[in-house]
N, C-alpha and C. Protein backbone atom coordinates (compact mmCIF):
# COMPACT_ATOMS: atom_id res chain seq x y z
N MET A 1 160.37 156.87 -149.46
CA MET A 1 160.46 158.08 -150.27
C MET A 1 159.69 158.35 -152.06
N LYS A 2 159.22 156.78 -152.30
CA LYS A 2 158.65 156.78 -153.49
C LYS A 2 157.14 156.64 -152.86
N LYS A 3 156.13 156.47 -152.07
CA LYS A 3 155.38 157.03 -151.66
C LYS A 3 155.43 158.31 -151.10
N PHE A 4 156.20 159.32 -150.91
CA PHE A 4 156.54 160.91 -150.52
C PHE A 4 156.55 161.77 -151.96
N LEU A 5 156.73 160.91 -153.47
CA LEU A 5 157.04 161.89 -154.53
C LEU A 5 155.56 161.22 -154.72
N ALA A 6 155.32 160.09 -154.74
CA ALA A 6 154.17 159.58 -155.38
C ALA A 6 152.74 160.71 -155.11
N ILE A 7 152.92 160.69 -154.02
CA ILE A 7 151.54 161.68 -152.87
C ILE A 7 152.15 163.47 -154.05
N LEU A 8 153.43 163.89 -153.85
CA LEU A 8 153.54 164.98 -154.41
C LEU A 8 153.10 165.09 -155.58
N PHE A 9 153.73 164.06 -156.30
CA PHE A 9 152.80 163.79 -157.88
C PHE A 9 150.83 164.01 -157.62
N LEU A 10 150.16 163.02 -157.17
CA LEU A 10 149.17 163.46 -157.12
C LEU A 10 148.15 164.10 -156.49
N LEU A 11 148.91 165.14 -155.47
CA LEU A 11 148.02 166.13 -154.82
C LEU A 11 147.99 167.37 -155.70
N PRO A 12 147.89 167.60 -156.66
CA PRO A 12 147.76 168.84 -157.91
C PRO A 12 146.61 167.79 -158.74
N LEU A 13 146.40 166.52 -158.82
CA LEU A 13 145.36 166.20 -159.43
C LEU A 13 144.33 165.97 -159.18
N LEU A 14 144.21 165.53 -157.64
CA LEU A 14 143.44 165.86 -156.99
C LEU A 14 142.98 167.35 -156.38
N VAL A 15 143.47 167.69 -156.19
CA VAL A 15 143.32 169.87 -156.04
C VAL A 15 141.93 169.76 -157.23
N ALA A 16 142.84 169.20 -158.80
CA ALA A 16 142.24 169.84 -159.56
C ALA A 16 141.19 168.83 -159.96
N CYS A 17 140.52 168.29 -159.59
CA CYS A 17 139.75 167.18 -159.45
C CYS A 17 138.59 168.12 -158.81
N GLU A 18 138.90 168.28 -157.60
CA GLU A 18 137.70 169.32 -156.38
C GLU A 18 137.90 169.67 -156.77
N GLN A 19 138.13 170.87 -157.31
CA GLN A 19 137.91 171.98 -158.31
C GLN A 19 137.05 171.54 -159.48
N GLU A 20 137.30 171.12 -160.64
CA GLU A 20 136.37 170.47 -161.64
C GLU A 20 135.08 170.46 -160.83
N ASP A 21 134.95 169.39 -159.95
CA ASP A 21 134.01 169.18 -158.92
C ASP A 21 132.90 170.15 -158.89
N THR A 22 133.83 170.96 -158.08
CA THR A 22 133.07 172.24 -157.97
C THR A 22 131.95 172.73 -158.57
N LEU A 23 133.34 173.37 -160.24
CA LEU A 23 132.42 173.92 -161.53
C LEU A 23 131.38 173.17 -161.89
N LEU A 24 131.34 172.07 -161.44
CA LEU A 24 130.15 170.95 -162.09
C LEU A 24 128.61 171.36 -161.46
N THR A 25 129.03 171.55 -160.36
CA THR A 25 128.12 171.89 -159.27
C THR A 25 127.53 172.93 -159.35
N GLU A 26 128.29 173.93 -159.63
CA GLU A 26 127.61 175.60 -159.89
C GLU A 26 127.25 175.70 -160.89
N ARG A 27 127.98 174.68 -162.94
CA ARG A 27 127.32 174.19 -163.27
C ARG A 27 125.48 174.07 -163.72
N ASP A 28 125.89 172.95 -162.49
CA ASP A 28 123.96 172.41 -162.26
C ASP A 28 123.42 173.68 -161.50
N LYS A 29 123.78 173.96 -161.27
CA LYS A 29 123.41 175.34 -160.46
C LYS A 29 122.31 176.44 -161.34
N ILE A 30 123.77 176.68 -162.35
CA ILE A 30 122.71 177.71 -162.94
C ILE A 30 121.68 176.98 -164.11
N VAL A 31 122.09 176.04 -164.41
CA VAL A 31 121.12 175.48 -165.50
C VAL A 31 120.01 175.30 -165.07
N LYS A 32 119.67 174.81 -163.74
CA LYS A 32 118.16 174.01 -163.14
C LYS A 32 117.85 174.64 -162.78
N TYR A 33 118.53 176.43 -162.52
CA TYR A 33 117.26 178.31 -162.61
C TYR A 33 117.31 178.03 -163.56
N LEU A 34 117.99 177.91 -164.85
CA LEU A 34 117.32 178.77 -165.80
C LEU A 34 116.38 177.92 -166.74
N GLU A 35 116.84 176.27 -165.92
CA GLU A 35 115.62 176.05 -167.10
C GLU A 35 114.18 175.76 -166.01
N GLY A 36 114.60 175.86 -165.29
CA GLY A 36 113.34 176.51 -163.84
C GLY A 36 112.27 177.44 -164.09
N ARG A 37 113.15 178.46 -165.27
CA ARG A 37 112.48 179.66 -165.26
C ARG A 37 112.23 179.71 -166.97
N ARG A 38 111.73 178.41 -167.01
CA ARG A 38 111.48 177.25 -168.69
C ARG A 38 112.79 178.65 -169.98
N ILE A 39 113.93 178.27 -169.45
CA ILE A 39 114.64 178.68 -170.52
C ILE A 39 115.79 177.34 -170.94
N VAL A 40 115.31 177.29 -171.91
CA VAL A 40 116.21 176.44 -172.31
C VAL A 40 117.50 176.67 -173.42
N SER A 41 118.38 175.02 -173.38
CA SER A 41 120.09 175.72 -174.05
C SER A 41 119.03 175.60 -175.55
N GLU A 42 120.60 176.15 -175.85
CA GLU A 42 120.11 177.03 -177.37
C GLU A 42 120.25 175.26 -178.17
N GLU A 43 120.99 174.45 -177.39
CA GLU A 43 121.53 173.10 -178.24
C GLU A 43 120.14 172.57 -178.10
N ILE A 44 118.97 172.82 -178.03
CA ILE A 44 118.35 171.71 -178.30
C ILE A 44 116.70 172.79 -178.50
N LEU A 45 116.76 173.82 -179.60
CA LEU A 45 116.49 174.97 -179.66
C LEU A 45 115.66 174.19 -181.57
N GLY A 46 116.32 172.93 -181.46
CA GLY A 46 115.57 172.09 -183.12
C GLY A 46 114.47 171.58 -182.84
N ASP A 47 114.68 171.00 -181.66
CA ASP A 47 114.13 169.95 -180.85
C ASP A 47 112.09 170.73 -180.11
N ILE A 48 112.27 171.66 -180.27
CA ILE A 48 111.18 172.99 -179.36
C ILE A 48 110.33 172.97 -180.67
N ILE A 49 108.80 172.68 -180.36
CA ILE A 49 107.95 172.93 -181.25
C ILE A 49 107.46 174.73 -180.83
N GLU A 50 108.01 174.72 -179.08
CA GLU A 50 107.57 176.32 -179.20
C GLU A 50 107.78 177.07 -180.44
N ASN A 51 106.56 178.56 -180.21
CA ASN A 51 106.66 179.53 -181.01
C ASN A 51 107.74 180.18 -180.06
N GLN A 52 109.32 180.85 -180.44
CA GLN A 52 109.93 182.17 -179.90
C GLN A 52 110.10 181.40 -178.58
N PRO A 53 110.74 180.44 -178.66
CA PRO A 53 111.70 179.20 -177.12
C PRO A 53 111.94 180.43 -176.50
N LEU A 54 112.32 180.05 -175.00
CA LEU A 54 113.21 181.71 -174.31
C LEU A 54 114.95 180.49 -174.72
N PHE A 55 115.51 180.51 -174.42
CA PHE A 55 116.57 180.07 -174.42
C PHE A 55 118.17 180.90 -174.58
N TYR A 56 118.84 180.05 -173.48
CA TYR A 56 120.62 180.09 -173.72
C TYR A 56 121.68 179.81 -173.72
N SER A 57 122.26 180.76 -174.31
CA SER A 57 123.35 180.26 -174.77
C SER A 57 124.46 180.21 -173.62
N THR A 58 125.78 178.52 -174.05
CA THR A 58 126.80 179.25 -172.62
C THR A 58 127.88 179.23 -173.57
N PHE A 59 129.24 180.14 -173.10
CA PHE A 59 130.76 180.23 -173.57
C PHE A 59 131.58 180.21 -172.86
N SER A 60 132.65 179.54 -172.86
CA SER A 60 133.85 179.31 -172.57
C SER A 60 133.51 177.83 -170.81
N ARG A 61 132.22 177.50 -171.46
CA ARG A 61 131.94 176.45 -170.47
C ARG A 61 131.20 176.31 -169.60
N TYR A 62 130.91 177.69 -169.24
CA TYR A 62 130.60 178.24 -167.71
C TYR A 62 129.79 179.50 -167.79
N ALA A 63 129.83 180.18 -168.56
CA ALA A 63 129.30 181.30 -168.65
C ALA A 63 127.95 180.95 -169.66
N TYR A 64 126.47 182.21 -169.54
CA TYR A 64 125.03 181.37 -169.46
C TYR A 64 125.11 182.77 -169.67
N ARG A 65 124.14 182.73 -171.02
CA ARG A 65 123.82 184.18 -171.29
C ARG A 65 122.42 184.30 -171.43
N TYR A 66 120.91 184.83 -171.29
CA TYR A 66 120.12 185.23 -171.62
C TYR A 66 119.42 186.44 -172.53
N ILE A 67 119.00 186.27 -173.60
CA ILE A 67 118.99 187.51 -173.95
C ILE A 67 117.48 187.64 -173.38
N VAL A 68 117.27 188.81 -172.91
CA VAL A 68 115.85 188.82 -172.73
C VAL A 68 115.23 189.16 -173.58
N ASN A 69 115.24 190.25 -174.67
CA ASN A 69 114.84 191.29 -175.81
C ASN A 69 115.12 190.32 -176.89
N TYR A 70 115.80 189.01 -177.38
CA TYR A 70 115.97 187.95 -178.34
C TYR A 70 115.12 188.31 -179.42
N TYR A 71 113.73 187.99 -179.35
CA TYR A 71 112.58 188.78 -180.49
C TYR A 71 112.18 189.63 -180.71
N ASP A 72 112.16 190.77 -179.89
CA ASP A 72 112.14 192.17 -180.51
C ASP A 72 111.91 191.90 -182.31
N ALA A 73 110.63 192.86 -182.88
CA ALA A 73 111.59 192.77 -183.78
C ALA A 73 111.89 194.21 -184.55
N ASP A 74 112.51 194.96 -184.12
CA ASP A 74 114.14 195.96 -184.36
C ASP A 74 115.35 195.35 -184.24
N ARG A 75 115.41 194.52 -183.45
CA ARG A 75 116.93 194.24 -183.15
C ARG A 75 117.41 193.45 -183.05
N ASN A 76 117.24 193.50 -184.89
CA ASN A 76 118.57 192.88 -186.02
C ASN A 76 118.57 194.00 -186.74
N THR A 77 118.34 195.19 -186.75
CA THR A 77 118.31 196.47 -186.67
C THR A 77 119.40 196.97 -186.07
N LYS A 78 119.92 196.56 -184.94
CA LYS A 78 120.80 197.41 -184.79
C LYS A 78 122.36 196.92 -184.83
N PRO A 79 123.30 197.66 -184.02
CA PRO A 79 124.67 197.10 -184.22
C PRO A 79 124.53 196.18 -183.49
N VAL A 80 125.91 194.77 -183.51
CA VAL A 80 126.19 193.38 -182.77
C VAL A 80 127.11 194.09 -182.30
N VAL A 81 127.81 193.58 -181.34
CA VAL A 81 129.00 193.87 -180.23
C VAL A 81 129.90 192.80 -180.82
N GLU A 82 131.09 193.27 -181.25
CA GLU A 82 132.09 192.44 -181.73
C GLU A 82 133.29 192.68 -180.70
N TRP A 83 134.62 191.78 -181.01
CA TRP A 83 135.90 192.40 -180.06
C TRP A 83 136.71 193.73 -180.56
N GLY A 84 136.66 194.20 -180.07
CA GLY A 84 137.44 195.82 -180.49
C GLY A 84 136.29 196.98 -180.08
N ASP A 85 134.73 196.34 -180.32
CA ASP A 85 134.15 197.09 -179.38
C ASP A 85 133.94 198.22 -178.85
N ARG A 86 133.56 199.47 -178.30
CA ARG A 86 133.17 199.97 -177.15
C ARG A 86 131.80 199.72 -176.60
N ILE A 87 131.17 199.23 -175.51
CA ILE A 87 129.96 199.25 -175.21
C ILE A 87 130.10 200.19 -174.04
N GLU A 88 128.33 200.16 -173.92
CA GLU A 88 127.81 201.61 -172.63
C GLU A 88 126.95 200.28 -171.89
N ILE A 89 127.18 200.55 -170.35
CA ILE A 89 126.04 199.27 -169.97
C ILE A 89 125.42 199.88 -168.97
N ARG A 90 124.71 199.57 -169.02
CA ARG A 90 123.96 199.99 -167.11
C ARG A 90 123.62 198.29 -166.75
N PHE A 91 124.05 197.89 -165.40
CA PHE A 91 123.69 196.73 -164.57
C PHE A 91 123.71 196.96 -163.31
N ASN A 92 122.91 195.53 -162.82
CA ASN A 92 123.17 195.23 -161.36
C ASN A 92 123.53 193.60 -161.44
N ALA A 93 124.77 193.88 -160.44
CA ALA A 93 125.98 192.20 -160.34
C ALA A 93 125.74 191.96 -158.90
N TYR A 94 124.99 190.75 -159.03
CA TYR A 94 124.84 189.86 -157.80
C TYR A 94 125.53 188.71 -157.60
N PRO A 95 126.12 188.27 -156.63
CA PRO A 95 126.48 186.86 -156.16
C PRO A 95 124.97 185.80 -156.22
N PHE A 96 125.56 185.03 -157.14
CA PHE A 96 124.46 183.99 -157.08
C PHE A 96 124.71 182.73 -156.51
N THR A 97 123.31 182.41 -156.43
CA THR A 97 122.78 180.86 -155.62
C THR A 97 122.69 179.96 -156.18
N GLY A 98 121.97 179.80 -157.30
CA GLY A 98 120.81 179.18 -157.54
C GLY A 98 119.45 179.30 -157.90
N SER A 99 119.27 180.71 -156.85
CA SER A 99 118.05 181.20 -156.95
C SER A 99 118.16 182.54 -157.44
N GLU A 100 116.66 183.39 -157.80
CA GLU A 100 116.52 184.79 -158.36
C GLU A 100 117.02 185.60 -156.96
N PRO A 101 118.09 186.15 -158.02
CA PRO A 101 118.40 187.72 -157.49
C PRO A 101 117.66 188.55 -156.56
N SER A 102 118.52 188.84 -155.69
CA SER A 102 117.19 190.18 -154.63
C SER A 102 117.95 191.35 -155.08
N ALA A 103 117.16 192.01 -154.94
CA ALA A 103 117.64 193.80 -155.26
C ALA A 103 118.50 194.27 -154.12
N SER A 104 118.44 193.61 -152.29
CA SER A 104 119.20 193.12 -151.51
C SER A 104 120.33 192.85 -151.26
N SER A 105 121.16 191.67 -152.79
CA SER A 105 122.21 191.33 -152.96
C SER A 105 122.92 191.40 -153.80
N ILE A 106 122.92 192.80 -153.84
CA ILE A 106 123.36 193.41 -155.36
C ILE A 106 124.68 193.57 -154.77
N TYR A 107 125.87 193.55 -155.37
CA TYR A 107 127.07 193.71 -154.47
C TYR A 107 127.70 195.12 -155.81
N TRP A 108 127.07 195.18 -156.86
CA TRP A 108 127.67 196.68 -157.81
C TRP A 108 126.61 197.03 -158.74
N SER A 109 126.14 198.37 -159.29
CA SER A 109 125.24 198.52 -159.39
C SER A 109 125.02 200.21 -160.64
N ASN A 110 125.12 200.59 -161.24
CA ASN A 110 125.59 201.84 -161.78
C ASN A 110 123.48 202.66 -162.56
N ILE A 111 122.95 201.76 -161.74
CA ILE A 111 121.61 202.11 -161.82
C ILE A 111 121.19 203.48 -161.27
N PRO A 112 121.06 204.47 -161.17
CA PRO A 112 120.69 205.31 -160.45
C PRO A 112 119.73 205.00 -159.38
N GLU A 113 118.18 204.42 -159.70
CA GLU A 113 117.20 204.70 -158.88
C GLU A 113 117.80 203.15 -157.82
N ILE A 114 118.25 202.21 -158.36
CA ILE A 114 119.15 200.94 -157.48
C ILE A 114 119.72 201.91 -156.72
N ILE A 115 121.12 202.18 -156.98
CA ILE A 115 121.70 203.03 -155.94
C ILE A 115 120.98 204.11 -154.84
N GLU A 116 119.98 204.70 -155.61
CA GLU A 116 118.68 205.32 -154.25
C GLU A 116 118.60 204.41 -153.06
N GLN A 117 117.69 203.00 -153.82
CA GLN A 117 117.00 202.02 -153.01
C GLN A 117 118.24 201.99 -152.13
N LEU A 118 119.34 201.24 -152.78
CA LEU A 118 120.10 200.65 -151.73
C LEU A 118 120.71 201.96 -150.20
N SER A 119 120.73 202.76 -150.72
CA SER A 119 121.20 203.80 -150.11
C SER A 119 119.91 203.61 -149.02
N LYS A 120 119.22 204.17 -149.21
CA LYS A 120 118.36 204.45 -148.15
C LYS A 120 117.73 203.54 -147.13
N LYS A 121 118.35 202.05 -147.90
CA LYS A 121 117.74 201.13 -146.83
C LYS A 121 119.35 200.57 -145.68
N SER A 122 120.55 201.20 -146.84
CA SER A 122 121.60 201.24 -145.99
C SER A 122 121.28 201.61 -144.69
N GLY A 123 121.65 203.33 -144.79
CA GLY A 123 121.32 203.36 -143.64
C GLY A 123 123.01 205.03 -144.51
N SER A 124 123.49 204.18 -145.38
CA SER A 124 124.50 205.06 -145.89
C SER A 124 124.55 205.41 -147.59
N THR A 125 125.28 206.05 -148.09
CA THR A 125 125.78 206.20 -149.30
C THR A 125 126.35 205.40 -150.13
N LEU A 126 126.36 205.11 -151.37
CA LEU A 126 127.08 204.13 -151.08
C LEU A 126 127.69 204.57 -153.09
N ASP A 127 128.74 204.15 -152.22
CA ASP A 127 129.81 205.55 -153.59
C ASP A 127 130.06 204.79 -154.93
N TRP A 128 129.12 204.50 -155.88
CA TRP A 128 128.69 203.96 -156.87
C TRP A 128 128.96 204.62 -158.04
N SER A 129 129.34 204.68 -159.42
CA SER A 129 129.29 205.56 -159.66
C SER A 129 127.91 205.24 -160.74
N THR A 130 127.26 206.15 -161.46
CA THR A 130 125.64 206.28 -161.87
C THR A 130 125.86 206.52 -163.84
N ASP A 131 127.30 206.86 -163.96
CA ASP A 131 127.90 207.18 -165.54
C ASP A 131 127.58 205.12 -165.92
N PRO A 132 127.35 205.49 -167.42
CA PRO A 132 127.40 203.68 -167.93
C PRO A 132 128.91 203.76 -167.90
N LEU A 133 128.55 201.92 -167.38
CA LEU A 133 130.30 201.77 -167.78
C LEU A 133 130.84 201.17 -168.71
N THR A 134 131.68 201.96 -169.12
CA THR A 134 132.07 201.45 -170.80
C THR A 134 133.52 201.02 -171.23
N ILE A 135 132.78 199.54 -171.54
CA ILE A 135 134.17 198.88 -171.81
C ILE A 135 134.77 198.51 -173.90
N GLU A 136 135.98 198.62 -173.58
CA GLU A 136 136.63 197.94 -174.55
C GLU A 136 136.68 196.67 -175.13
N LEU A 137 136.02 196.12 -175.47
CA LEU A 137 136.09 194.09 -175.77
C LEU A 137 137.36 193.87 -176.24
N GLY A 138 138.08 192.96 -175.40
CA GLY A 138 139.44 193.24 -175.64
C GLY A 138 140.37 194.19 -174.92
N LYS A 139 139.81 195.09 -175.00
CA LYS A 139 141.12 195.40 -174.29
C LYS A 139 140.76 195.99 -172.28
N SER A 140 139.87 195.87 -171.70
CA SER A 140 138.90 196.58 -171.07
C SER A 140 139.37 195.56 -169.86
N SER A 141 139.80 195.45 -168.92
CA SER A 141 140.23 194.55 -167.44
C SER A 141 138.43 194.04 -167.08
N ILE A 142 138.03 192.82 -167.62
CA ILE A 142 137.03 192.50 -166.97
C ILE A 142 136.44 191.18 -166.41
N ILE A 143 135.56 191.19 -166.08
CA ILE A 143 135.62 189.35 -165.62
C ILE A 143 135.40 188.43 -166.67
N GLU A 144 135.91 187.66 -167.04
CA GLU A 144 135.91 186.75 -167.74
C GLU A 144 134.94 186.05 -168.39
N GLY A 145 134.01 185.79 -167.75
CA GLY A 145 132.58 185.39 -167.82
C GLY A 145 131.66 186.50 -168.65
N LEU A 146 131.40 187.58 -168.44
CA LEU A 146 131.00 188.41 -168.98
C LEU A 146 131.71 189.50 -170.41
N ALA A 147 133.21 189.00 -170.55
CA ALA A 147 134.31 189.35 -171.93
C ALA A 147 133.72 187.90 -172.74
N HIS A 148 133.60 186.71 -172.22
CA HIS A 148 133.20 185.91 -173.23
C HIS A 148 131.36 185.85 -173.49
N SER A 149 130.63 186.83 -173.10
CA SER A 149 129.22 186.04 -172.90
C SER A 149 128.71 187.68 -174.62
N LEU A 150 129.18 188.18 -174.51
CA LEU A 150 129.33 189.78 -174.10
C LEU A 150 128.86 190.25 -176.02
N PRO A 151 129.91 189.78 -176.60
CA PRO A 151 130.24 189.69 -178.07
C PRO A 151 128.61 188.72 -178.38
N GLY A 152 128.56 189.23 -179.53
CA GLY A 152 127.27 188.78 -180.33
C GLY A 152 126.12 189.21 -179.50
N CYS A 153 126.04 190.03 -178.37
CA CYS A 153 124.26 191.21 -178.14
C CYS A 153 124.47 191.59 -178.93
N ARG A 154 123.75 192.45 -179.20
CA ARG A 154 122.79 193.98 -180.06
C ARG A 154 123.38 195.51 -179.02
N GLU A 155 123.04 196.38 -179.36
CA GLU A 155 122.60 197.87 -179.09
C GLU A 155 121.30 197.72 -178.37
N ALA A 156 121.17 197.57 -177.27
CA ALA A 156 119.55 197.60 -176.55
C ALA A 156 118.92 196.35 -175.77
N ASP A 157 120.46 195.48 -176.62
CA ASP A 157 120.01 194.40 -175.74
C ASP A 157 120.15 194.62 -174.35
N SER A 158 118.82 193.72 -173.15
CA SER A 158 118.60 193.09 -172.29
C SER A 158 118.94 191.85 -172.13
N VAL A 159 120.21 191.62 -171.26
CA VAL A 159 121.24 190.64 -170.77
C VAL A 159 121.09 190.31 -169.72
N GLN A 160 121.07 188.81 -169.72
CA GLN A 160 121.32 188.51 -167.69
C GLN A 160 122.20 187.28 -167.87
N ILE A 161 123.26 187.41 -167.66
CA ILE A 161 124.61 186.53 -167.33
C ILE A 161 125.41 185.83 -166.19
N TYR A 162 124.76 184.54 -166.19
CA TYR A 162 125.28 183.83 -165.67
C TYR A 162 126.59 183.34 -165.23
N MET A 163 127.21 183.20 -164.38
CA MET A 163 128.77 182.46 -164.34
C MET A 163 129.20 182.02 -163.02
N THR A 164 130.09 180.44 -163.28
CA THR A 164 131.00 180.12 -162.03
C THR A 164 131.65 181.26 -162.34
N SER A 165 132.35 180.54 -160.39
CA SER A 165 133.40 181.35 -159.49
C SER A 165 134.63 180.96 -160.81
N ASN A 166 134.94 180.34 -161.81
CA ASN A 166 136.64 180.42 -162.42
C ASN A 166 135.79 181.84 -163.59
N LEU A 167 135.13 181.67 -163.78
CA LEU A 167 134.95 183.27 -164.73
C LEU A 167 134.11 183.78 -163.68
N ALA A 168 134.20 184.62 -163.00
CA ALA A 168 134.01 185.63 -161.66
C ALA A 168 135.39 185.98 -161.33
N TYR A 169 135.28 185.99 -159.82
CA TYR A 169 136.20 186.76 -159.49
C TYR A 169 136.91 185.16 -158.67
N GLY A 170 136.93 183.94 -158.69
CA GLY A 170 137.66 182.85 -158.33
C GLY A 170 138.16 183.52 -157.05
N LYS A 171 139.27 183.46 -156.44
CA LYS A 171 139.75 183.02 -155.41
C LYS A 171 139.78 184.36 -154.88
N ARG A 172 139.87 185.76 -155.02
CA ARG A 172 139.32 187.05 -154.38
C ARG A 172 137.76 187.01 -153.41
N LEU A 173 138.17 188.04 -153.41
CA LEU A 173 137.33 188.13 -152.39
C LEU A 173 136.85 190.07 -152.61
N VAL A 174 135.93 190.02 -153.45
CA VAL A 174 135.55 191.20 -153.71
C VAL A 174 134.00 191.50 -152.49
N GLY A 175 134.31 193.12 -152.65
CA GLY A 175 132.79 193.64 -152.03
C GLY A 175 131.88 192.56 -151.22
N ASN A 176 131.23 192.32 -150.40
CA ASN A 176 130.57 190.93 -150.09
C ASN A 176 130.13 190.30 -151.53
N VAL A 177 130.54 189.96 -151.79
CA VAL A 177 131.08 188.81 -152.56
C VAL A 177 132.01 187.46 -152.18
N PRO A 178 131.47 186.24 -151.83
CA PRO A 178 132.84 186.00 -150.94
C PRO A 178 133.66 185.02 -152.25
N LYS A 179 134.62 184.60 -151.98
CA LYS A 179 135.20 183.99 -152.09
C LYS A 179 134.90 182.74 -153.21
N HIS A 180 135.11 182.09 -154.30
CA HIS A 180 134.74 181.13 -154.89
C HIS A 180 133.25 181.25 -154.87
N SER A 181 132.32 182.44 -155.37
CA SER A 181 131.42 182.92 -155.59
C SER A 181 131.02 182.56 -157.08
N MET A 182 129.40 182.08 -157.59
CA MET A 182 129.22 181.87 -158.77
C MET A 182 128.08 183.52 -158.87
N VAL A 183 128.26 184.43 -159.94
CA VAL A 183 127.57 186.10 -160.23
C VAL A 183 126.78 186.05 -160.99
N ALA A 184 126.06 186.92 -161.16
CA ALA A 184 124.53 187.18 -162.24
C ALA A 184 124.76 188.35 -162.83
N TRP A 185 125.49 188.64 -163.77
CA TRP A 185 124.99 189.68 -164.44
C TRP A 185 123.13 190.87 -165.01
N TYR A 186 123.00 191.89 -164.68
CA TYR A 186 122.21 192.05 -165.70
C TYR A 186 122.37 192.94 -166.01
N ILE A 187 121.87 193.29 -167.15
CA ILE A 187 122.80 194.37 -167.87
C ILE A 187 121.62 194.47 -168.77
N LYS A 188 122.00 196.21 -169.40
CA LYS A 188 121.34 196.86 -170.67
C LYS A 188 122.32 197.31 -171.53
N ILE A 189 121.99 196.71 -172.32
CA ILE A 189 123.72 197.64 -173.34
C ILE A 189 122.44 199.13 -174.12
N GLU A 190 123.07 200.29 -173.27
CA GLU A 190 123.23 201.26 -173.82
C GLU A 190 123.95 201.67 -175.21
N LYS A 191 124.72 201.42 -176.12
CA LYS A 191 125.47 202.01 -177.17
C LYS A 191 126.63 201.06 -177.17
N VAL A 192 126.42 201.12 -178.61
CA VAL A 192 127.72 199.76 -179.52
C VAL A 192 128.75 201.14 -180.14
N THR A 193 129.70 201.22 -179.94
CA THR A 193 130.42 202.33 -180.93
C THR A 193 131.44 201.68 -181.82
N LYS A 194 131.57 201.19 -183.13
CA LYS A 194 132.81 200.52 -184.11
C LYS A 194 134.12 201.05 -183.49
């Protein structure tokens, strides 16, 4: 009886350890991909001599954000995204495997040209909206990786957000995104309303 109780007690711990190992493996794939593109962690920026180094920021342990236009001259004049703001975005969303996402793997987009290309390629019409996606940070229901990574961005930013499965859809199957999948969202923030 004691052995049975010990097994019942240890089983959740073993499952939690396995899940953490999976997340660490996913994290390593994302970091390896970013660093392979010569995008370094924000934590080591002070050690880099290069002028205007490309860098990513980490959020909620396993969400990674790279702002493509971070060094644009007029970026600091644009409104900053904060909790409670309403933002409008254009995006492509991809399952992420650790390599460059391809247009053929997009599972959701609201960019008219992309939707048209994918519809032609598949031979059927995709029923996706071409309107900007409007999000009220803190009120809208969005995946956790996005919610944590958007504050601090600015209007007109082009942002790449990579996240482990726990911050994306977890155990849910969404479209052609398998359960327990990492995802990447490539976003253009069109408007920030305070």
